[in-house]
């Protein structure tokens, strides 16, 4: 159930589940308790030493709200769940359609017409059953945000289109929760981190539709932006300094250029 590896005590997945049941703890709490006593849960072994034990505990104790489970959202969910963000609440009221196949991680040919939220719930249960993952099978609007963002440490924006992004940013600002936002259009993408009361990409947005409506959306651009958003979220939640606060980071995979602008 536990074993030594390179001088470290490793806790198996089976041991986590068994001990959690024995001591009436959640697997998440058991993993945190193990780390506090220098026992490493095996699912996170490869996180060390890129992450310190204290940083991993911070991640496991953190609470994230993820808005959108499509292109960006599917990859972000996959990455932060595997890294060990302990509590993730995600919302998406959409269903899969054939045009999602080119970029949405959880979309399959046998999933057309099925809920993106429920597909994510099924997937995460098979990847990291130790974390707390909940979904809202709905498109958030108005008063939904107050309950959805309650007690969350960070919000990650994986929406499409500008109108819904404006509302999300307004709500995170109102409810005093920092936001990591990102978008993709063609082979270009951007990432920015917005704390309440600070400037962000909303200052540059015009109209109601995003550039992805005319430029398309390629899978590798989605993966890159989702990875950047996930890394920023992990850095913030683990206790590190955010890299994109008051900045707009823009990447273009046509020529592999990278620019960072200050707000």
Protein backbone atom coordinates (compact mmCIF):
# COMPACT_ATOMS: atom_id res chain seq x y z
CA UNK A 1 0.00 0.00 0.00
CA UNK A 2 2.96 2.31 0.65
CA UNK A 3 6.60 1.87 -0.34
CA UNK A 4 9.99 3.53 -0.46
CA UNK A 5 11.31 5.11 -3.66
CA UNK A 6 14.56 7.04 -3.81
CA UNK A 7 14.39 7.61 -0.08
CA UNK A 8 10.81 8.92 -0.13
CA UNK A 9 7.74 7.23 1.30
CA UNK A 10 5.14 6.81 -1.43
CA UNK A 11 1.41 6.34 -0.82
CA UNK A 12 -0.40 4.25 -3.43
CA UNK A 13 -3.82 5.17 -4.81
CA UNK A 14 -5.25 2.05 -3.16
CA UNK A 15 -3.76 3.11 0.19
CA UNK A 16 -5.28 6.58 -0.12
CA UNK A 17 -8.73 5.10 -0.69
CA UNK A 18 -8.38 2.47 2.04
CA UNK A 19 -7.04 4.84 4.69
CA UNK A 20 -9.61 7.50 3.83
CA UNK A 21 -12.38 4.99 4.47
CA UNK A 22 -10.74 3.68 7.64
CA UNK A 23 -10.38 7.13 9.22
CA UNK A 24 -13.56 8.61 7.74
CA UNK A 25 -11.69 11.22 5.68
CA UNK A 26 -12.11 12.31 2.10
CA UNK A 27 -9.33 11.10 -0.24
CA UNK A 28 -8.45 14.76 -0.71
CA UNK A 29 -7.96 15.29 3.03
CA UNK A 30 -5.99 12.06 3.27
CA UNK A 31 -3.62 13.20 0.52
CA UNK A 32 -3.09 16.53 2.29
CA UNK A 33 -2.46 14.77 5.60
CA UNK A 34 0.05 12.45 3.95
CA UNK A 35 1.96 15.37 2.43
CA UNK A 36 2.03 17.16 5.78
CA UNK A 37 3.89 14.09 7.12
CA UNK A 38 6.28 13.88 4.14
CA UNK A 39 4.46 10.96 2.52
CA UNK A 40 3.98 11.51 -1.21
CA UNK A 41 0.75 10.35 -2.91
CA UNK A 42 1.92 8.40 -5.93
CA UNK A 43 -0.30 10.29 -8.39
CA UNK A 44 1.70 13.49 -7.64
CA UNK A 45 5.21 12.02 -7.43
CA UNK A 46 6.24 13.44 -10.81
CA UNK A 47 5.17 16.93 -9.66
CA UNK A 48 8.16 17.04 -7.31
CA UNK A 49 10.57 18.87 -7.30
CA UNK A 50 9.01 21.16 -9.90
CA UNK A 51 6.49 21.81 -7.11
CA UNK A 52 7.47 21.88 -3.47
CA UNK A 53 5.45 19.87 -0.95
CA UNK A 54 3.97 23.06 0.53
CA UNK A 55 2.93 24.21 -2.94
CA UNK A 56 1.25 20.86 -3.63
CA UNK A 57 -0.66 21.14 -0.35
CA UNK A 58 -1.74 24.66 -1.33
CA UNK A 59 -3.02 23.30 -4.65
CA UNK A 60 -4.95 20.50 -2.97
CA UNK A 61 -6.54 23.01 -0.58
CA UNK A 62 -7.47 25.46 -3.35
CA UNK A 63 -10.89 26.00 -4.93
CA UNK A 64 -11.27 26.93 -8.58
CA UNK A 65 -14.26 27.90 -10.69
CA UNK A 66 -13.94 26.95 -14.37
CA UNK A 67 -16.43 28.56 -16.75
CA UNK A 68 -16.74 26.61 -19.99
CA UNK A 69 -15.90 22.98 -20.82
CA UNK A 70 -15.37 23.18 -24.55
CA UNK A 71 -12.05 23.71 -26.32
CA UNK A 72 -10.09 25.62 -23.70
CA UNK A 73 -12.12 24.27 -20.80
CA UNK A 74 -11.56 20.59 -21.53
CA UNK A 75 -7.79 20.96 -21.68
CA UNK A 76 -7.65 23.28 -18.66
CA UNK A 77 -9.73 20.86 -16.62
CA UNK A 78 -7.52 17.96 -17.61
CA UNK A 79 -4.31 19.80 -16.72
CA UNK A 80 -5.29 21.30 -13.38
CA UNK A 81 -7.00 18.10 -12.21
CA UNK A 82 -3.94 15.99 -13.01
CA UNK A 83 -1.69 18.55 -11.29
CA UNK A 84 -3.81 18.34 -8.16
CA UNK A 85 -6.09 21.36 -7.82
CA UNK A 86 -8.25 19.99 -5.02
CA UNK A 87 -11.69 21.48 -5.66
CA UNK A 88 -12.96 22.35 -9.13
CA UNK A 89 -16.46 23.62 -9.89
CA UNK A 90 -17.16 23.82 -13.64
CA UNK A 91 -20.15 25.06 -15.60
CA UNK A 92 -21.29 24.49 -19.18
CA UNK A 93 -24.84 24.16 -20.52
CA UNK A 94 -23.84 23.13 -24.05
CA UNK A 95 -23.84 19.75 -25.81
CA UNK A 96 -21.36 18.30 -28.30
CA UNK A 97 -21.76 18.74 -32.05
CA UNK A 98 -19.61 17.56 -34.98
CA UNK A 99 -17.79 20.90 -35.37
CA UNK A 100 -16.33 20.43 -31.86
CA UNK A 101 -14.25 17.42 -32.93
CA UNK A 102 -11.30 19.45 -34.23
CA UNK A 103 -10.35 20.93 -30.83
CA UNK A 104 -12.48 19.79 -27.86
CA UNK A 105 -10.72 17.10 -25.85
CA UNK A 106 -13.78 15.26 -24.55
CA UNK A 107 -15.75 15.37 -27.81
CA UNK A 108 -16.12 12.03 -29.62
CA UNK A 109 -18.23 10.86 -32.55
CA UNK A 110 -20.43 8.90 -30.14
CA UNK A 111 -20.97 11.96 -27.92
CA UNK A 112 -22.92 14.22 -30.28
CA UNK A 113 -25.91 15.74 -28.47
CA UNK A 114 -24.52 14.78 -25.05
CA UNK A 115 -23.80 17.23 -22.24
CA UNK A 116 -20.25 18.61 -22.07
CA UNK A 117 -20.58 18.93 -18.30
CA UNK A 118 -21.56 15.30 -17.81
CA UNK A 119 -18.84 14.09 -20.18
CA UNK A 120 -16.30 16.02 -18.09
CA UNK A 121 -17.70 14.53 -14.88
CA UNK A 122 -17.34 11.01 -16.28
CA UNK A 123 -13.79 11.65 -17.51
CA UNK A 124 -12.51 13.22 -14.29
CA UNK A 125 -13.82 10.35 -12.18
CA UNK A 126 -11.46 8.07 -14.10
CA UNK A 127 -8.46 10.41 -13.87
CA UNK A 128 -8.37 11.79 -10.34
CA UNK A 129 -11.01 10.43 -7.99
CA UNK A 130 -9.26 12.06 -5.01
CA UNK A 131 -10.23 15.63 -5.87
CA UNK A 132 -13.62 17.29 -5.43
CA UNK A 133 -15.04 17.92 -8.91
CA UNK A 134 -18.57 19.22 -9.39
CA UNK A 135 -20.39 20.48 -12.48
CA UNK A 136 -23.27 22.82 -13.18
CA UNK A 137 -25.00 21.66 -16.33
CA UNK A 138 -26.09 25.15 -17.33
CA UNK A 139 -24.95 28.37 -18.96
CA UNK A 140 -24.31 30.89 -16.21
CA UNK A 141 -26.08 34.20 -16.19
CA UNK A 142 -27.06 36.92 -13.76
CA UNK A 143 -27.63 35.69 -10.24
CA UNK A 144 -26.02 32.30 -10.99
CA UNK A 145 -22.59 33.80 -10.49
CA UNK A 146 -23.03 34.63 -6.82
CA UNK A 147 -23.52 30.99 -5.90
CA UNK A 148 -21.07 29.68 -8.47
CA UNK A 149 -18.18 31.88 -7.35
CA UNK A 150 -18.83 31.67 -3.62
CA UNK A 151 -15.68 30.73 -1.66
CA UNK A 152 -13.64 30.21 -4.86
CA UNK A 153 -9.99 31.29 -4.82
CA UNK A 154 -9.73 31.79 -8.57
CA UNK A 155 -11.85 31.76 -11.73
CA UNK A 156 -10.60 30.46 -15.07
CA UNK A 157 -12.36 31.76 -18.18
CA UNK A 158 -12.79 29.18 -20.95
CA UNK A 159 -15.71 30.85 -22.69
CA UNK A 160 -16.20 31.77 -26.33
CA UNK A 161 -17.48 35.13 -27.52
CA UNK A 162 -17.21 38.59 -25.99
CA UNK A 163 -20.67 39.17 -24.53
CA UNK A 164 -20.45 36.28 -22.04
CA UNK A 165 -16.84 37.17 -21.22
CA UNK A 166 -17.85 40.72 -20.34
CA UNK A 167 -20.47 39.46 -17.94
CA UNK A 168 -18.02 37.01 -16.35
CA UNK A 169 -15.41 39.73 -15.84
CA UNK A 170 -17.98 42.08 -14.37
CA UNK A 171 -19.14 39.39 -11.95
CA UNK A 172 -15.64 38.38 -10.84
CA UNK A 173 -14.84 42.03 -10.22
CA UNK A 174 -18.06 42.52 -8.26
CA UNK A 175 -17.54 39.37 -6.19
CA UNK A 176 -13.82 40.06 -5.62
CA UNK A 177 -12.35 36.94 -7.26
CA UNK A 178 -9.29 37.03 -9.56
CA UNK A 179 -9.70 35.76 -13.11
CA UNK A 180 -7.35 34.03 -15.56
CA UNK A 181 -8.71 34.62 -19.06
CA UNK A 182 -7.63 33.37 -22.47
CA UNK A 183 -8.86 33.17 -26.05
CA UNK A 184 -7.87 31.64 -29.37
CA UNK A 185 -8.45 32.78 -32.95
CA UNK A 186 -6.89 30.88 -35.81
CA UNK A 187 -3.27 30.28 -34.78
CA UNK A 188 -3.18 33.21 -32.37
CA UNK A 189 -4.09 33.36 -28.70
CA UNK A 190 -3.78 35.49 -25.61
CA UNK A 191 -3.72 35.09 -21.84
CA UNK A 192 -4.24 37.66 -19.11
CA UNK A 193 -4.81 37.64 -15.35
CA UNK A 194 -7.23 40.19 -13.96
CA UNK A 195 -7.58 41.02 -10.29
CA UNK A 196 -10.65 42.93 -9.03
CA UNK A 197 -10.43 46.62 -9.85
CA UNK A 198 -7.62 46.19 -12.38
CA UNK A 199 -7.46 46.52 -16.16
CA UNK A 200 -7.67 43.63 -18.60
CA UNK A 201 -8.48 42.67 -22.20
CA UNK A 202 -12.03 43.95 -21.76
CA UNK A 203 -10.59 47.43 -22.27
CA UNK A 204 -9.67 46.40 -25.83
CA UNK A 205 -12.76 44.40 -26.79
CA UNK A 206 -15.26 45.77 -29.27
CA UNK A 207 -18.52 44.30 -30.54
CA UNK A 208 -20.21 41.10 -29.42
CA UNK A 209 -18.32 38.38 -31.29
CA UNK A 210 -14.73 37.23 -31.01
CA UNK A 211 -12.11 36.92 -33.73
CA UNK A 212 -12.47 33.13 -33.62
CA UNK A 213 -15.79 33.55 -35.45
CA UNK A 214 -13.91 34.71 -38.57
CA UNK A 215 -10.44 33.20 -38.14
CA UNK A 216 -11.41 29.72 -36.96
CA UNK A 217 -9.90 27.83 -34.05
CA UNK A 218 -7.11 25.26 -34.38
CA UNK A 219 -6.44 22.51 -31.87
CA UNK A 220 -2.82 23.32 -31.16
CA UNK A 221 -3.64 26.96 -30.51
CA UNK A 222 -6.28 25.84 -28.03
CA UNK A 223 -3.80 23.48 -26.33
CA UNK A 224 -1.17 26.21 -26.02
CA UNK A 225 -3.48 28.82 -24.52
CA UNK A 226 -5.06 26.26 -22.19
CA UNK A 227 -1.58 25.25 -21.01
CA UNK A 228 -0.65 28.87 -20.32
CA UNK A 229 -3.88 29.46 -18.42
CA UNK A 230 -3.38 26.26 -16.44
CA UNK A 231 0.21 27.12 -15.57
CA UNK A 232 -0.83 30.59 -14.41
CA UNK A 233 -3.63 29.11 -12.30
CA UNK A 234 -1.27 26.57 -10.71
CA UNK A 235 1.30 29.27 -9.96
CA UNK A 236 -1.28 31.51 -8.29
CA UNK A 237 -2.94 28.73 -6.30
CA UNK A 238 0.35 27.24 -5.14
CA UNK A 239 1.43 30.60 -3.75
CA UNK A 240 3.66 31.93 -6.50
CA UNK A 241 3.51 35.33 -8.16
CA UNK A 242 1.20 35.54 -11.22
CA UNK A 243 3.01 36.10 -14.51
CA UNK A 244 0.22 37.77 -16.49
CA UNK A 245 -1.24 40.20 -13.95
CA UNK A 246 -1.72 43.63 -15.60
CA UNK A 247 -0.36 42.10 -18.80
CA UNK A 248 -1.62 40.73 -22.09
CA UNK A 249 0.51 37.87 -23.42
CA UNK A 250 -0.07 37.22 -27.14
CA UNK A 251 1.30 34.27 -29.07
CA UNK A 252 1.14 33.60 -32.82
CA UNK A 253 1.90 30.07 -33.96
CA UNK A 254 2.16 31.10 -37.61
CA UNK A 255 5.63 32.45 -36.89
CA UNK A 256 6.06 31.34 -33.25
CA UNK A 257 6.18 34.96 -32.09
CA UNK A 258 5.46 36.02 -28.51
CA UNK A 259 4.69 39.49 -27.17
CA UNK A 260 3.70 40.73 -23.73
CA UNK A 261 1.95 44.09 -23.35
CA UNK A 262 1.44 46.03 -20.12
CA UNK A 263 -1.93 47.53 -19.24
